[in-house]
Each structure stands twice: as structure tokens, then as C-alpha cells.
């Protein structure tokens, strides 16, 4: 590997590490301990949007969770050759791990919807990578 490519790879890995730390900071570290809470009803946020219950809040939650793991799906194949299926599994496990940790520590609401939206976001990130790679 030439020096320029090696430096580019190191930079991407460093950015990926900063990104992962930022996600952990937002979802776990920068939160107060509290009561254990869980909302495991699938798609309850989507249902609230459809019903018009705090629509803008829940749209923000859905979009935020989609966007949160898009960089993971985009950056993973740059760092290491991975398939869509692997990105799906890695993002699912990462998100589920965050949600489980939120429940155990009482640092947030453990939600099925967050895991679903995070995983879809990572898959979208991978597809963006895939399209850009094909155009290149």
C-alpha cells in the first residue's frame, strides 16, 4: 500500500473511531442514570406520526435514528470489505447493544423502533457507498 493510501486509510479509521465515540456519547455517556424503561411495541413512533400525536417530535426521532447509523454503513466498507448482510448484522448488534445498555443503566428508553431505524439507516449508508463506488 502506498503512503498516500495508507494515510487515507488511517484518517478514515480515526474518523470512524471518533464517530463511534460520538454515537456512544450521545446515546449513553452524556445521559443521567434513571429508571429502566422499555418500549418494545414495534413501530409505535410511526403509529404516533400517522395519528398526529406529537408528529414533529416523532418524525425527528425517526429521522435522527435513521441518520445516526448511516455513517456506520457508509464507512464500514471503506475500512474493510463487508457485504450488505454484514453491515445489517453489525449495525443491528451495535444498536441493540446500545439499547440494552440504556435499559440496564437506566440511561434512556430502550426501544425496538430505535434498533429498526438505526439498522435501516446503516443499510442506507451502505447503499450510498455502493452507488458512489459504482459511479467511480
C-alpha atoms as a PDB file:
ATOM      1  CA  UNK A   1       0.000   0.000   0.000  1.00  0.00           C
ATOM      2  CA  UNK A   2       1.476   3.361  -0.936  1.00  0.00           C
ATOM      3  CA  UNK A   3       1.913   6.096   1.657  1.00  0.00           C
ATOM      4  CA  UNK A   4      -0.959   8.262   0.435  1.00  0.00           C
ATOM      5  CA  UNK A   5      -3.398   5.331   0.505  1.00  0.00           C
ATOM      6  CA  UNK A   6      -2.099   4.261   3.918  1.00  0.00           C
ATOM      7  CA  UNK A   7      -2.542   7.765   5.321  1.00  0.00           C
ATOM      8  CA  UNK A   8      -6.046   7.995   3.836  1.00  0.00           C
ATOM      9  CA  UNK A   9      -6.968   4.662   5.445  1.00  0.00           C
ATOM     10  CA  UNK A  10      -5.592   5.797   8.831  1.00  0.00           C
ATOM     11  CA  UNK A  11      -7.590   9.012   8.578  1.00  0.00           C
ATOM     12  CA  UNK A  12     -10.795   7.115   7.778  1.00  0.00           C
ATOM     13  CA  UNK A  13     -10.203   4.728  10.690  1.00  0.00           C
ATOM     14  CA  UNK A  14      -9.584   7.691  13.019  1.00  0.00           C
ATOM     15  CA  UNK A  15     -12.771   9.405  11.800  1.00  0.00           C
ATOM     16  CA  UNK A  16     -14.679   6.155  12.262  1.00  0.00           C
ATOM     17  CA  UNK A  17     -13.405   5.863  15.852  1.00  0.00           C
ATOM     18  CA  UNK A  18     -14.438   9.473  16.567  1.00  0.00           C
ATOM     19  CA  UNK A  19     -17.840   8.782  15.025  1.00  0.00           C
ATOM     20  CA  UNK A  20     -18.377   5.654  17.177  1.00  0.00           C
ATOM     21  CA  UNK A  21     -17.364   7.589  20.299  1.00  0.00           C
ATOM     22  CA  UNK A  22     -19.784  10.384  19.347  1.00  0.00           C
ATOM     23  CA  UNK A  23     -22.648   7.890  18.971  1.00  0.00           C
ATOM     24  CA  UNK A  24     -21.817   6.342  22.348  1.00  0.00           C
ATOM     25  CA  UNK A  25     -21.551   9.816  23.892  1.00  0.00           C
ATOM     26  CA  UNK A  26     -24.961  10.877  22.564  1.00  0.00           C
ATOM     27  CA  UNK A  27     -26.755   7.632  23.389  1.00  0.00           C
ATOM     28  CA  UNK A  28     -25.121   6.591  26.672  1.00  0.00           C
ATOM     29  CA  UNK A  29     -22.348   8.644  28.220  1.00  0.00           C
ATOM     30  CA  UNK A  30     -23.984  12.078  28.234  1.00  0.00           C
ATOM     31  CA  UNK A  31     -27.131  10.868  29.945  1.00  0.00           C
ATOM     32  CA  UNK A  32     -28.193  10.734  33.549  1.00  0.00           C
ATOM     33  CA  UNK A  33     -28.888   7.455  35.290  1.00  0.00           C
ATOM     34  CA  UNK A  34     -32.588   6.926  35.808  1.00  0.00           C
ATOM     35  CA  UNK A  35     -35.299   4.317  35.831  1.00  0.00           C
ATOM     36  CA  UNK A  36     -35.195   1.361  33.497  1.00  0.00           C
ATOM     37  CA  UNK A  37     -37.698   1.939  30.721  1.00  0.00           C
ATOM     38  CA  UNK A  38     -38.563  -0.007  27.602  1.00  0.00           C
ATOM     39  CA  UNK A  39     -40.903   0.446  24.655  1.00  0.00           C
ATOM     40  CA  UNK A  40     -40.831  -2.773  22.687  1.00  0.00           C
ATOM     41  CA  UNK A  41     -44.032  -2.217  20.710  1.00  0.00           C
ATOM     42  CA  UNK A  42     -42.880  -2.257  17.083  1.00  0.00           C
ATOM     43  CA  UNK A  43     -43.358   0.952  15.097  1.00  0.00           C
ATOM     44  CA  UNK A  44     -45.063   2.906  17.863  1.00  0.00           C
ATOM     45  CA  UNK A  45     -43.309   6.085  16.687  1.00  0.00           C
ATOM     46  CA  UNK A  46     -44.655   5.582  13.143  1.00  0.00           C
ATOM     47  CA  UNK A  47     -48.133   4.983  14.594  1.00  0.00           C
ATOM     48  CA  UNK A  48     -47.930   8.262  16.523  1.00  0.00           C
ATOM     49  CA  UNK A  49     -46.902  10.118  13.361  1.00  0.00           C
ATOM     50  CA  UNK A  50     -49.876   8.643  11.489  1.00  0.00           C
ATOM     51  CA  UNK A  51     -52.236   9.503  14.375  1.00  0.00           C
ATOM     52  CA  UNK A  52     -50.829  13.048  14.558  1.00  0.00           C
ATOM     53  CA  UNK A  53     -49.577  12.595  18.140  1.00  0.00           C
ATOM     54  CA  UNK A  54     -46.569  14.893  18.642  1.00  0.00           C
ATOM     55  CA  UNK A  55     -45.935  14.399  14.922  1.00  0.00           C
ATOM     56  CA  UNK A  56     -42.896  16.672  14.550  1.00  0.00           C
ATOM     57  CA  UNK A  57     -41.248  15.169  17.657  1.00  0.00           C
ATOM     58  CA  UNK A  58     -41.630  11.590  16.430  1.00  0.00           C
ATOM     59  CA  UNK A  59     -40.597  12.444  12.866  1.00  0.00           C
ATOM     60  CA  UNK A  60     -37.454  13.955  14.393  1.00  0.00           C
ATOM     61  CA  UNK A  61     -36.869  10.793  16.425  1.00  0.00           C
ATOM     62  CA  UNK A  62     -37.306   8.546  13.390  1.00  0.00           C
ATOM     63  CA  UNK A  63     -35.090  10.652  11.123  1.00  0.00           C
ATOM     64  CA  UNK A  64     -32.478  11.096  13.857  1.00  0.00           C
ATOM     65  CA  UNK A  65     -32.213   7.354  14.338  1.00  0.00           C
ATOM     66  CA  UNK A  66     -32.029   6.741  10.589  1.00  0.00           C
ATOM     67  CA  UNK A  67     -29.241   9.298  10.214  1.00  0.00           C
ATOM     68  CA  UNK A  68     -27.326   8.225  13.322  1.00  0.00           C
ATOM     69  CA  UNK A  69     -26.024   4.960  11.864  1.00  0.00           C
ATOM     70  CA  UNK A  70     -25.810   5.990   8.203  1.00  0.00           C
ATOM     71  CA  UNK A  71     -22.101   6.808   8.625  1.00  0.00           C
ATOM     72  CA  UNK A  72     -21.515   3.330  10.044  1.00  0.00           C
ATOM     73  CA  UNK A  73     -22.987   1.756   6.920  1.00  0.00           C
ATOM     74  CA  UNK A  74     -21.024   4.118   4.698  1.00  0.00           C
ATOM     75  CA  UNK A  75     -17.655   3.854   6.461  1.00  0.00           C
ATOM     76  CA  UNK A  76     -17.506   0.128   7.249  1.00  0.00           C
ATOM     77  CA  UNK A  77     -16.976  -0.959   3.628  1.00  0.00           C
ATOM     78  CA  UNK A  78     -14.294   1.699   3.228  1.00  0.00           C
ATOM     79  CA  UNK A  79     -12.391   0.304   6.210  1.00  0.00           C
ATOM     80  CA  UNK A  80     -12.968  -3.384   5.489  1.00  0.00           C
ATOM     81  CA  UNK A  81     -14.640  -5.292   2.693  1.00  0.00           C
ATOM     82  CA  UNK A  82     -18.076  -6.133   4.046  1.00  0.00           C
ATOM     83  CA  UNK A  83     -21.323  -7.218   2.455  1.00  0.00           C
ATOM     84  CA  UNK A  84     -24.735  -5.645   2.898  1.00  0.00           C
ATOM     85  CA  UNK A  85     -25.708  -8.603   5.073  1.00  0.00           C
ATOM     86  CA  UNK A  86     -22.670  -7.999   7.321  1.00  0.00           C
ATOM     87  CA  UNK A  87     -23.491  -4.287   7.637  1.00  0.00           C
ATOM     88  CA  UNK A  88     -27.057  -5.212   8.534  1.00  0.00           C
ATOM     89  CA  UNK A  89     -25.880  -7.632  11.236  1.00  0.00           C
ATOM     90  CA  UNK A  90     -23.179  -5.318  12.637  1.00  0.00           C
ATOM     91  CA  UNK A  91     -25.496  -2.311  12.785  1.00  0.00           C
ATOM     92  CA  UNK A  92     -28.294  -4.377  14.335  1.00  0.00           C
ATOM     93  CA  UNK A  93     -25.938  -5.695  17.046  1.00  0.00           C
ATOM     94  CA  UNK A  94     -24.406  -2.259  17.692  1.00  0.00           C
ATOM     95  CA  UNK A  95     -27.821  -0.609  18.008  1.00  0.00           C
ATOM     96  CA  UNK A  96     -29.291  -3.430  20.103  1.00  0.00           C
ATOM     97  CA  UNK A  97     -26.227  -3.223  22.357  1.00  0.00           C
ATOM     98  CA  UNK A  98     -26.808   0.492  22.880  1.00  0.00           C
ATOM     99  CA  UNK A  99     -30.487  -0.044  23.629  1.00  0.00           C
ATOM    100  CA  UNK A 100     -29.781  -2.886  26.046  1.00  0.00           C
ATOM    101  CA  UNK A 101     -27.140  -0.779  27.802  1.00  0.00           C
ATOM    102  CA  UNK A 102     -29.631   2.094  28.040  1.00  0.00           C
ATOM    103  CA  UNK A 103     -32.084  -0.256  29.734  1.00  0.00           C
ATOM    104  CA  UNK A 104     -29.548  -1.799  32.120  1.00  0.00           C
ATOM    105  CA  UNK A 105     -28.139   1.580  33.169  1.00  0.00           C
ATOM    106  CA  UNK A 106     -31.422   3.490  33.035  1.00  0.00           C
ATOM    107  CA  UNK A 107     -29.798   5.948  30.606  1.00  0.00           C
ATOM    108  CA  UNK A 108     -32.606   6.263  28.115  1.00  0.00           C
ATOM    109  CA  UNK A 109     -35.580   4.434  26.763  1.00  0.00           C
ATOM    110  CA  UNK A 110     -34.867   1.028  25.239  1.00  0.00           C
ATOM    111  CA  UNK A 111     -36.901   0.934  22.012  1.00  0.00           C
ATOM    112  CA  UNK A 112     -37.496  -1.567  19.257  1.00  0.00           C
ATOM    113  CA  UNK A 113     -38.037   1.373  16.900  1.00  0.00           C
ATOM    114  CA  UNK A 114     -34.536   2.740  17.558  1.00  0.00           C
ATOM    115  CA  UNK A 115     -32.927  -0.583  16.641  1.00  0.00           C
ATOM    116  CA  UNK A 116     -35.047  -0.833  13.494  1.00  0.00           C
ATOM    117  CA  UNK A 117     -34.418   2.761  12.387  1.00  0.00           C
ATOM    118  CA  UNK A 118     -30.685   2.608  13.190  1.00  0.00           C
ATOM    119  CA  UNK A 119     -30.327  -0.606  11.198  1.00  0.00           C
ATOM    120  CA  UNK A 120     -32.228   0.805   8.223  1.00  0.00           C
ATOM    121  CA  UNK A 121     -30.044   3.927   8.403  1.00  0.00           C
ATOM    122  CA  UNK A 122     -26.849   1.845   8.283  1.00  0.00           C
ATOM    123  CA  UNK A 123     -28.197  -0.100   5.297  1.00  0.00           C
ATOM    124  CA  UNK A 124     -28.982   3.203   3.548  1.00  0.00           C
ATOM    125  CA  UNK A 125     -25.433   4.368   4.299  1.00  0.00           C
ATOM    126  CA  UNK A 126     -24.084   1.191   2.744  1.00  0.00           C
ATOM    127  CA  UNK A 127     -26.258   1.698  -0.336  1.00  0.00           C
ATOM    128  CA  UNK A 128     -24.959   5.278  -0.706  1.00  0.00           C
ATOM    129  CA  UNK A 129     -21.408   3.881  -0.537  1.00  0.00           C
ATOM    130  CA  UNK A 130     -22.354   1.238  -3.100  1.00  0.00           C
ATOM    131  CA  UNK A 131     -23.804   3.801  -5.540  1.00  0.00           C
ATOM    132  CA  UNK A 132     -20.812   6.137  -5.183  1.00  0.00           C
ATOM    133  CA  UNK A 133     -18.406   3.244  -5.675  1.00  0.00           C
ATOM    134  CA  UNK A 134     -20.275   2.184  -8.828  1.00  0.00           C
ATOM    135  CA  UNK A 135     -20.137   5.740 -10.196  1.00  0.00           C
ATOM    136  CA  UNK A 136     -16.404   5.905  -9.569  1.00  0.00           C
END
